[in-house]
Each structure stands twice: as structure tokens, then as C-alpha cells.
Amino acid sequence: MPVTTQVSVRPAVAADGDLILQFIRDLAAYEKLLDDVRATRDDITVALFGDNPKAFCDIAEIDGRPVGFALWFYNFSTFVGRHGIYLEDLFVQPQARGSGAGKALLANLARRCVDENLGRLEWAVLDWNAPSIAFYDSLGAAAMDEWIVRRMTGEALARLAGV
């Protein structure tokens, strides 16, 4: 008799703080960026569950066991004239890949976009991450090759701010 799994997606709650931080660390390790993680459980709790959260998180579960997460926030497109969702992080534990958990997390965000009349769902993927790129392509995601992401942090950010 084949084993069936039930994938579900739920909004994260404050009690998920340690779990979310572990998923962030697991993602960073996969991306070879673990040394860059500075977030603490308190940072995550305040950002996602404080008085006025600016970021949100969904948890994928298989048969009630957490296996992945999507951390996202609303952005705005001046060209479209509507808000959208920017997916900051998507991670599914290696042993759960292929279970439909990643697709369920993305489908949940797509439904939110449709339900809230949002203009688009966007995210970035590292150029070497061929399995993820193939997965996103299989869902119909378009590469935005003409755009180059720019980032300012630390000293450069403080210098520009005049502090």
C-alpha cells in the first residue's frame, strides 16, 4: 500500500520563532552563506509578530510536521500601480523536496496575490542554483535577466545616510 503525504500551508505564529530561525540557518547553509546570518530569535519574533509586522511567514507541513517556509513582504510596482509580494526566502528541507511542499508554499502566495488583486509575485534565486531555477521554470516563472540586483549595507549605507 503506497504511503500518502498531506502537504498543508499555515501562517506562522510567534511560537514558530525558533523553527523559522532554523529554516533560515538551513537555507543559508545550503546557499553557502551561513556566516552571514546575524538574525536572532528575538529579531524574527519582533519582525514577524510584533505590533506592526512588515514581513510575514508561512510554514509548510507534511502530515503535521514542519518541512519548509516562505518568508515574504508586500512591495509596490509603480508600473502596475498595485502592490505585489516579494518572496524573501523559500526553503524546504532536503528530505521533503519533491513532496509538493515548495509548490504548495508558492501556490499559497499566488492565491494571496489573486485574492488581494496584487500585481505580481517576485523573488530572486542564486544563479548557480540549477535545481531551484528548474523548479521555478516548471511553474511558469520568468527570469528577469535584464535586471541586476543592487544592495547597499554597512559602511556604504551609513556613509550615504550621512551618519
N, C-alpha and C. Protein backbone atom coordinates (compact mmCIF):
# COMPACT_ATOMS: atom_id res chain seq x y z
N MET A 1 0.86 -1.18 0.00
CA MET A 1 0.00 0.00 0.00
C MET A 1 0.90 1.24 0.00
N PRO A 2 0.69 2.19 -0.96
CA PRO A 2 1.54 3.37 -1.04
C PRO A 2 1.31 4.31 0.14
N VAL A 3 2.41 4.94 0.56
CA VAL A 3 2.33 5.93 1.63
C VAL A 3 1.92 7.27 1.02
N THR A 4 0.92 7.89 1.58
CA THR A 4 0.50 9.21 1.10
C THR A 4 0.88 10.26 2.12
N THR A 5 1.19 11.42 1.62
CA THR A 5 1.53 12.54 2.50
C THR A 5 0.54 13.66 2.24
N GLN A 6 0.27 14.38 3.28
CA GLN A 6 -0.63 15.51 3.19
C GLN A 6 0.17 16.78 3.42
N VAL A 7 0.34 17.59 2.37
CA VAL A 7 1.05 18.86 2.49
C VAL A 7 0.03 19.94 2.80
N SER A 8 0.33 20.74 3.82
CA SER A 8 -0.53 21.88 4.15
C SER A 8 0.35 23.09 4.40
N VAL A 9 -0.24 24.25 4.25
CA VAL A 9 0.46 25.52 4.49
C VAL A 9 -0.36 26.30 5.49
N ARG A 10 0.33 26.86 6.49
CA ARG A 10 -0.35 27.65 7.51
C ARG A 10 0.47 28.90 7.79
N PRO A 11 -0.19 29.96 8.25
CA PRO A 11 0.57 31.14 8.67
C PRO A 11 1.40 30.80 9.90
N ALA A 12 2.61 31.32 9.94
CA ALA A 12 3.46 31.13 11.11
C ALA A 12 2.87 31.89 12.29
N VAL A 13 3.16 31.41 13.48
CA VAL A 13 2.76 32.06 14.73
C VAL A 13 4.01 32.32 15.55
N ALA A 14 3.91 33.15 16.57
CA ALA A 14 5.06 33.55 17.36
C ALA A 14 5.82 32.35 17.94
N ALA A 15 5.12 31.31 18.27
CA ALA A 15 5.77 30.12 18.82
C ALA A 15 6.68 29.43 17.80
N ASP A 16 6.59 29.82 16.52
CA ASP A 16 7.43 29.24 15.47
C ASP A 16 8.78 29.95 15.34
N GLY A 17 9.08 30.89 16.22
CA GLY A 17 10.30 31.68 16.09
C GLY A 17 11.57 30.85 15.94
N ASP A 18 11.75 29.86 16.80
CA ASP A 18 12.94 29.01 16.72
C ASP A 18 12.95 28.20 15.42
N LEU A 19 11.80 27.69 15.03
CA LEU A 19 11.68 26.93 13.80
C LEU A 19 12.05 27.80 12.60
N ILE A 20 11.53 29.00 12.54
CA ILE A 20 11.81 29.91 11.42
C ILE A 20 13.31 30.22 11.38
N LEU A 21 13.89 30.51 12.52
CA LEU A 21 15.32 30.80 12.56
C LEU A 21 16.12 29.59 12.09
N GLN A 22 15.70 28.39 12.46
CA GLN A 22 16.41 27.19 12.00
C GLN A 22 16.28 27.03 10.49
N PHE A 23 15.09 27.29 9.94
CA PHE A 23 14.92 27.23 8.49
C PHE A 23 15.82 28.26 7.80
N ILE A 24 15.92 29.46 8.36
CA ILE A 24 16.79 30.50 7.81
C ILE A 24 18.24 30.01 7.81
N ARG A 25 18.65 29.42 8.90
CA ARG A 25 20.03 28.91 9.01
C ARG A 25 20.26 27.75 8.03
N ASP A 26 19.27 26.88 7.88
CA ASP A 26 19.39 25.76 6.94
C ASP A 26 19.49 26.28 5.51
N LEU A 27 18.68 27.27 5.18
CA LEU A 27 18.75 27.88 3.84
C LEU A 27 20.12 28.52 3.62
N ALA A 28 20.59 29.26 4.60
CA ALA A 28 21.89 29.92 4.48
C ALA A 28 23.01 28.89 4.30
N ALA A 29 22.94 27.78 5.01
CA ALA A 29 23.94 26.72 4.86
C ALA A 29 23.90 26.17 3.44
N TYR A 30 22.71 25.92 2.91
CA TYR A 30 22.55 25.42 1.54
C TYR A 30 23.15 26.40 0.54
N GLU A 31 22.95 27.70 0.79
CA GLU A 31 23.45 28.74 -0.12
C GLU A 31 24.91 29.11 0.17
N LYS A 32 25.54 28.39 1.10
CA LYS A 32 26.93 28.66 1.49
C LYS A 32 27.10 30.08 2.04
N LEU A 33 26.10 30.53 2.80
CA LEU A 33 26.09 31.87 3.37
C LEU A 33 25.82 31.86 4.88
N LEU A 34 26.05 30.74 5.52
CA LEU A 34 25.72 30.62 6.94
C LEU A 34 26.44 31.66 7.79
N ASP A 35 27.67 32.02 7.43
CA ASP A 35 28.41 33.03 8.20
C ASP A 35 27.76 34.41 8.13
N ASP A 36 26.87 34.62 7.16
CA ASP A 36 26.20 35.92 7.02
C ASP A 36 24.97 36.07 7.90
N VAL A 37 24.48 34.98 8.48
CA VAL A 37 23.26 35.05 9.29
C VAL A 37 23.57 35.73 10.62
N ARG A 38 22.87 36.84 10.86
CA ARG A 38 23.01 37.59 12.11
C ARG A 38 21.70 37.59 12.90
N ALA A 39 20.61 37.19 12.27
CA ALA A 39 19.29 37.22 12.89
C ALA A 39 19.25 36.34 14.13
N THR A 40 18.51 36.81 15.12
CA THR A 40 18.26 36.04 16.33
C THR A 40 16.77 35.69 16.40
N ARG A 41 16.42 34.83 17.33
CA ARG A 41 15.01 34.50 17.53
C ARG A 41 14.22 35.77 17.85
N ASP A 42 14.79 36.63 18.70
CA ASP A 42 14.10 37.87 19.06
C ASP A 42 13.89 38.75 17.83
N ASP A 43 14.90 38.85 16.96
CA ASP A 43 14.75 39.63 15.72
C ASP A 43 13.57 39.11 14.90
N ILE A 44 13.51 37.80 14.76
CA ILE A 44 12.45 37.18 13.96
C ILE A 44 11.09 37.41 14.61
N THR A 45 11.02 37.25 15.92
CA THR A 45 9.75 37.42 16.63
C THR A 45 9.23 38.84 16.50
N VAL A 46 10.10 39.82 16.69
CA VAL A 46 9.68 41.23 16.57
C VAL A 46 9.27 41.54 15.13
N ALA A 47 10.08 41.12 14.16
CA ALA A 47 9.81 41.45 12.76
C ALA A 47 8.51 40.84 12.25
N LEU A 48 8.24 39.60 12.64
CA LEU A 48 7.08 38.89 12.10
C LEU A 48 5.83 38.96 12.97
N PHE A 49 6.02 39.16 14.28
CA PHE A 49 4.88 39.05 15.17
C PHE A 49 4.75 40.23 16.12
N GLY A 50 5.51 41.29 15.89
CA GLY A 50 5.43 42.49 16.72
C GLY A 50 4.15 43.27 16.46
N ASP A 51 4.10 44.48 17.00
CA ASP A 51 2.89 45.31 16.89
C ASP A 51 2.52 45.65 15.46
N ASN A 52 3.49 45.91 14.61
CA ASN A 52 3.22 46.33 13.25
C ASN A 52 4.16 45.59 12.30
N PRO A 53 3.91 44.28 12.08
CA PRO A 53 4.86 43.49 11.27
C PRO A 53 4.93 44.00 9.83
N LYS A 54 6.14 43.95 9.30
CA LYS A 54 6.38 44.35 7.92
C LYS A 54 6.73 43.14 7.05
N ALA A 55 6.90 41.99 7.68
CA ALA A 55 7.19 40.76 6.96
C ALA A 55 6.31 39.65 7.53
N PHE A 56 6.13 38.61 6.72
CA PHE A 56 5.19 37.55 7.07
C PHE A 56 5.81 36.21 6.71
N CYS A 57 5.26 35.15 7.28
CA CYS A 57 5.84 33.84 7.07
C CYS A 57 4.75 32.78 7.02
N ASP A 58 4.93 31.83 6.13
CA ASP A 58 4.06 30.67 6.04
C ASP A 58 4.91 29.43 6.25
N ILE A 59 4.33 28.43 6.88
CA ILE A 59 5.01 27.18 7.18
C ILE A 59 4.34 26.05 6.40
N ALA A 60 5.16 25.26 5.70
CA ALA A 60 4.66 24.05 5.03
C ALA A 60 4.84 22.88 5.98
N GLU A 61 3.81 22.06 6.04
CA GLU A 61 3.86 20.87 6.88
C GLU A 61 3.46 19.66 6.06
N ILE A 62 4.08 18.55 6.37
CA ILE A 62 3.67 17.26 5.80
C ILE A 62 3.20 16.41 6.95
N ASP A 63 1.94 16.03 6.86
CA ASP A 63 1.33 15.23 7.93
C ASP A 63 1.56 15.86 9.30
N GLY A 64 1.46 17.21 9.35
CA GLY A 64 1.58 17.95 10.60
C GLY A 64 3.00 18.27 11.04
N ARG A 65 4.01 17.85 10.27
CA ARG A 65 5.41 18.09 10.62
C ARG A 65 5.97 19.21 9.74
N PRO A 66 6.49 20.31 10.35
CA PRO A 66 7.05 21.41 9.56
C PRO A 66 8.23 20.95 8.70
N VAL A 67 8.18 21.31 7.40
CA VAL A 67 9.25 20.91 6.48
C VAL A 67 9.81 22.07 5.68
N GLY A 68 9.19 23.25 5.77
CA GLY A 68 9.67 24.37 4.99
C GLY A 68 8.94 25.65 5.33
N PHE A 69 9.43 26.74 4.72
CA PHE A 69 8.82 28.03 5.00
C PHE A 69 8.96 28.96 3.80
N ALA A 70 8.11 29.96 3.79
CA ALA A 70 8.19 31.08 2.84
C ALA A 70 8.09 32.35 3.67
N LEU A 71 9.10 33.20 3.57
CA LEU A 71 9.10 34.47 4.28
C LEU A 71 8.96 35.56 3.23
N TRP A 72 7.99 36.45 3.40
CA TRP A 72 7.64 37.39 2.34
C TRP A 72 7.17 38.72 2.91
N PHE A 73 7.07 39.70 2.01
CA PHE A 73 6.53 41.02 2.38
C PHE A 73 5.89 41.65 1.16
N TYR A 74 5.07 42.65 1.41
CA TYR A 74 4.43 43.37 0.30
C TYR A 74 5.41 44.39 -0.28
N ASN A 75 5.40 44.49 -1.60
CA ASN A 75 6.15 45.55 -2.28
C ASN A 75 5.14 46.34 -3.12
N PHE A 76 5.63 47.21 -3.96
CA PHE A 76 4.74 48.02 -4.79
C PHE A 76 5.36 48.22 -6.16
N SER A 77 4.56 48.07 -7.20
CA SER A 77 5.01 48.34 -8.56
C SER A 77 4.38 49.63 -9.04
N THR A 78 5.21 50.61 -9.30
CA THR A 78 4.69 51.87 -9.86
C THR A 78 4.18 51.64 -11.27
N PHE A 79 4.78 50.73 -12.01
CA PHE A 79 4.35 50.47 -13.39
C PHE A 79 2.98 49.80 -13.43
N VAL A 80 2.75 48.87 -12.52
CA VAL A 80 1.48 48.17 -12.47
C VAL A 80 0.45 48.97 -11.66
N GLY A 81 0.95 49.80 -10.73
CA GLY A 81 0.06 50.60 -9.90
C GLY A 81 -0.59 49.81 -8.78
N ARG A 82 0.03 48.69 -8.41
CA ARG A 82 -0.54 47.85 -7.36
C ARG A 82 0.59 47.25 -6.53
N HIS A 83 0.21 46.84 -5.34
CA HIS A 83 1.14 46.09 -4.51
C HIS A 83 1.37 44.71 -5.11
N GLY A 84 2.43 44.09 -4.66
CA GLY A 84 2.75 42.71 -5.00
C GLY A 84 3.36 42.06 -3.78
N ILE A 85 3.85 40.87 -3.97
CA ILE A 85 4.55 40.16 -2.90
C ILE A 85 5.97 39.89 -3.36
N TYR A 86 6.91 40.17 -2.46
CA TYR A 86 8.29 39.78 -2.69
C TYR A 86 8.60 38.62 -1.74
N LEU A 87 8.98 37.51 -2.31
CA LEU A 87 9.34 36.33 -1.55
C LEU A 87 10.81 36.42 -1.20
N GLU A 88 11.10 36.70 0.05
CA GLU A 88 12.49 36.85 0.50
C GLU A 88 13.19 35.50 0.60
N ASP A 89 12.52 34.53 1.21
CA ASP A 89 13.13 33.21 1.38
C ASP A 89 12.09 32.12 1.18
N LEU A 90 12.51 31.09 0.48
CA LEU A 90 11.72 29.86 0.33
C LEU A 90 12.68 28.71 0.60
N PHE A 91 12.30 27.84 1.51
CA PHE A 91 13.16 26.71 1.84
C PHE A 91 12.31 25.51 2.20
N VAL A 92 12.70 24.37 1.66
CA VAL A 92 12.11 23.08 2.03
C VAL A 92 13.26 22.15 2.40
N GLN A 93 13.13 21.47 3.52
CA GLN A 93 14.16 20.55 3.97
C GLN A 93 14.47 19.54 2.86
N PRO A 94 15.75 19.19 2.70
CA PRO A 94 16.13 18.28 1.62
C PRO A 94 15.31 16.99 1.56
N GLN A 95 15.04 16.38 2.71
CA GLN A 95 14.30 15.12 2.71
C GLN A 95 12.84 15.30 2.28
N ALA A 96 12.34 16.53 2.26
CA ALA A 96 10.94 16.78 1.87
C ALA A 96 10.82 17.33 0.45
N ARG A 97 11.94 17.56 -0.21
CA ARG A 97 11.89 18.07 -1.58
C ARG A 97 11.27 17.02 -2.48
N GLY A 98 10.45 17.49 -3.40
CA GLY A 98 9.72 16.57 -4.27
C GLY A 98 8.38 16.16 -3.71
N SER A 99 8.07 16.61 -2.50
CA SER A 99 6.80 16.24 -1.85
C SER A 99 5.65 17.16 -2.23
N GLY A 100 5.98 18.28 -2.87
CA GLY A 100 4.96 19.28 -3.18
C GLY A 100 4.92 20.43 -2.20
N ALA A 101 5.79 20.40 -1.18
CA ALA A 101 5.78 21.46 -0.17
C ALA A 101 6.18 22.81 -0.76
N GLY A 102 7.21 22.85 -1.58
CA GLY A 102 7.63 24.10 -2.20
C GLY A 102 6.56 24.66 -3.10
N LYS A 103 5.96 23.80 -3.91
CA LYS A 103 4.88 24.24 -4.78
C LYS A 103 3.69 24.72 -3.97
N ALA A 104 3.39 24.06 -2.86
CA ALA A 104 2.27 24.48 -2.01
C ALA A 104 2.52 25.87 -1.41
N LEU A 105 3.76 26.13 -0.99
CA LEU A 105 4.09 27.45 -0.45
C LEU A 105 3.93 28.53 -1.52
N LEU A 106 4.42 28.26 -2.73
CA LEU A 106 4.29 29.24 -3.81
C LEU A 106 2.84 29.40 -4.25
N ALA A 107 2.10 28.29 -4.32
CA ALA A 107 0.68 28.37 -4.70
C ALA A 107 -0.11 29.17 -3.68
N ASN A 108 0.25 29.04 -2.41
CA ASN A 108 -0.41 29.81 -1.36
C ASN A 108 -0.19 31.31 -1.57
N LEU A 109 1.03 31.69 -1.91
CA LEU A 109 1.32 33.10 -2.18
C LEU A 109 0.64 33.57 -3.47
N ALA A 110 0.60 32.71 -4.47
CA ALA A 110 -0.09 33.06 -5.71
C ALA A 110 -1.58 33.30 -5.45
N ARG A 111 -2.17 32.45 -4.61
CA ARG A 111 -3.59 32.63 -4.25
C ARG A 111 -3.79 33.96 -3.52
N ARG A 112 -2.86 34.30 -2.63
CA ARG A 112 -2.95 35.57 -1.92
C ARG A 112 -2.90 36.72 -2.93
N CYS A 113 -2.00 36.63 -3.88
CA CYS A 113 -1.90 37.67 -4.91
C CYS A 113 -3.22 37.83 -5.67
N VAL A 114 -3.79 36.71 -6.08
CA VAL A 114 -5.06 36.76 -6.82
C VAL A 114 -6.18 37.28 -5.92
N ASP A 115 -6.29 36.76 -4.72
CA ASP A 115 -7.36 37.16 -3.80
C ASP A 115 -7.29 38.63 -3.43
N GLU A 116 -6.07 39.17 -3.31
CA GLU A 116 -5.89 40.57 -2.90
C GLU A 116 -5.66 41.51 -4.08
N ASN A 117 -5.85 40.99 -5.31
CA ASN A 117 -5.67 41.78 -6.52
C ASN A 117 -4.28 42.43 -6.58
N LEU A 118 -3.27 41.65 -6.21
CA LEU A 118 -1.90 42.13 -6.25
C LEU A 118 -1.35 41.95 -7.67
N GLY A 119 -0.37 42.76 -8.01
CA GLY A 119 0.13 42.78 -9.38
C GLY A 119 1.09 41.67 -9.73
N ARG A 120 1.87 41.19 -8.76
CA ARG A 120 2.84 40.16 -9.10
C ARG A 120 3.47 39.53 -7.86
N LEU A 121 4.11 38.40 -8.10
CA LEU A 121 4.87 37.67 -7.10
C LEU A 121 6.29 37.58 -7.64
N GLU A 122 7.25 38.07 -6.86
CA GLU A 122 8.63 38.12 -7.32
C GLU A 122 9.57 37.52 -6.29
N TRP A 123 10.73 37.06 -6.75
CA TRP A 123 11.77 36.59 -5.86
C TRP A 123 13.07 36.52 -6.66
N ALA A 124 14.16 36.31 -5.94
CA ALA A 124 15.46 36.14 -6.56
C ALA A 124 15.95 34.72 -6.27
N VAL A 125 16.79 34.22 -7.17
CA VAL A 125 17.40 32.91 -6.98
C VAL A 125 18.87 33.04 -7.39
N LEU A 126 19.73 32.38 -6.63
CA LEU A 126 21.15 32.42 -6.95
C LEU A 126 21.40 31.77 -8.31
N ASP A 127 22.28 32.36 -9.10
CA ASP A 127 22.49 31.90 -10.47
C ASP A 127 23.03 30.47 -10.56
N TRP A 128 23.66 29.95 -9.51
CA TRP A 128 24.20 28.59 -9.54
C TRP A 128 23.19 27.54 -9.08
N ASN A 129 22.02 27.97 -8.60
CA ASN A 129 21.06 27.05 -8.01
C ASN A 129 20.15 26.42 -9.08
N ALA A 130 20.76 25.56 -9.90
CA ALA A 130 20.05 24.96 -11.03
C ALA A 130 18.79 24.19 -10.62
N PRO A 131 18.78 23.41 -9.52
CA PRO A 131 17.55 22.70 -9.17
C PRO A 131 16.38 23.66 -8.89
N SER A 132 16.66 24.75 -8.18
CA SER A 132 15.60 25.71 -7.88
C SER A 132 15.14 26.44 -9.14
N ILE A 133 16.09 26.82 -9.99
CA ILE A 133 15.74 27.50 -11.24
C ILE A 133 14.85 26.60 -12.09
N ALA A 134 15.21 25.33 -12.20
CA ALA A 134 14.39 24.39 -12.98
C ALA A 134 13.00 24.25 -12.37
N PHE A 135 12.92 24.19 -11.04
CA PHE A 135 11.63 24.11 -10.36
C PHE A 135 10.78 25.33 -10.67
N TYR A 136 11.36 26.53 -10.53
CA TYR A 136 10.62 27.76 -10.80
C TYR A 136 10.18 27.83 -12.26
N ASP A 137 11.07 27.45 -13.17
CA ASP A 137 10.72 27.44 -14.59
C ASP A 137 9.55 26.50 -14.86
N SER A 138 9.53 25.35 -14.16
CA SER A 138 8.45 24.38 -14.37
C SER A 138 7.09 24.93 -13.96
N LEU A 139 7.12 25.94 -13.08
CA LEU A 139 5.87 26.56 -12.62
C LEU A 139 5.45 27.74 -13.50
N GLY A 140 6.32 28.11 -14.44
CA GLY A 140 6.00 29.23 -15.33
C GLY A 140 6.61 30.55 -14.92
N ALA A 141 7.53 30.55 -13.98
CA ALA A 141 8.19 31.79 -13.56
C ALA A 141 9.13 32.26 -14.66
N ALA A 142 9.16 33.56 -14.88
CA ALA A 142 10.02 34.13 -15.92
C ALA A 142 11.27 34.73 -15.30
N ALA A 143 12.40 34.46 -15.93
CA ALA A 143 13.66 35.06 -15.49
C ALA A 143 13.68 36.53 -15.91
N MET A 144 14.16 37.37 -15.03
CA MET A 144 14.27 38.80 -15.30
C MET A 144 15.74 39.13 -15.57
N ASP A 145 16.28 38.55 -16.62
CA ASP A 145 17.71 38.63 -16.89
C ASP A 145 18.22 40.05 -17.14
N GLU A 146 17.34 40.95 -17.53
CA GLU A 146 17.78 42.31 -17.82
C GLU A 146 17.95 43.17 -16.57
N TRP A 147 17.55 42.64 -15.42
CA TRP A 147 17.65 43.38 -14.16
C TRP A 147 18.84 42.88 -13.37
N ILE A 148 19.57 43.78 -12.78
CA ILE A 148 20.69 43.44 -11.92
C ILE A 148 20.38 43.98 -10.53
N VAL A 149 20.36 43.08 -9.55
CA VAL A 149 20.06 43.48 -8.18
C VAL A 149 21.24 44.24 -7.62
N ARG A 150 20.96 45.33 -6.92
CA ARG A 150 21.98 46.12 -6.24
C ARG A 150 21.66 46.11 -4.76
N ARG A 151 22.69 46.13 -3.93
CA ARG A 151 22.48 46.10 -2.48
C ARG A 151 23.46 47.05 -1.82
N MET A 152 22.97 47.74 -0.81
CA MET A 152 23.82 48.62 -0.02
C MET A 152 23.65 48.26 1.44
N THR A 153 24.77 48.00 2.13
CA THR A 153 24.74 47.65 3.54
C THR A 153 25.92 48.31 4.25
N GLY A 154 25.95 48.16 5.57
CA GLY A 154 27.09 48.54 6.38
C GLY A 154 27.60 49.93 6.15
N GLU A 155 28.92 50.03 5.92
CA GLU A 155 29.59 51.31 5.79
C GLU A 155 29.02 52.17 4.66
N ALA A 156 28.77 51.54 3.51
CA ALA A 156 28.24 52.30 2.37
C ALA A 156 26.87 52.88 2.71
N LEU A 157 26.04 52.12 3.39
CA LEU A 157 24.72 52.58 3.78
C LEU A 157 24.82 53.74 4.75
N ALA A 158 25.67 53.61 5.76
CA ALA A 158 25.86 54.68 6.73
C ALA A 158 26.44 55.93 6.09
N ARG A 159 27.39 55.74 5.19
CA ARG A 159 28.00 56.88 4.50
C ARG A 159 26.95 57.66 3.69
N LEU A 160 26.15 56.94 2.93
CA LEU A 160 25.12 57.60 2.13
C LEU A 160 24.09 58.30 3.03
N ALA A 161 23.80 57.70 4.18
CA ALA A 161 22.85 58.30 5.13
C ALA A 161 23.44 59.51 5.84
N GLY A 162 24.75 59.67 5.73
CA GLY A 162 25.39 60.82 6.37
C GLY A 162 25.63 60.61 7.85
N VAL A 163 25.73 59.35 8.29
CA VAL A 163 25.99 59.08 9.71
C VAL A 163 27.30 58.34 9.89
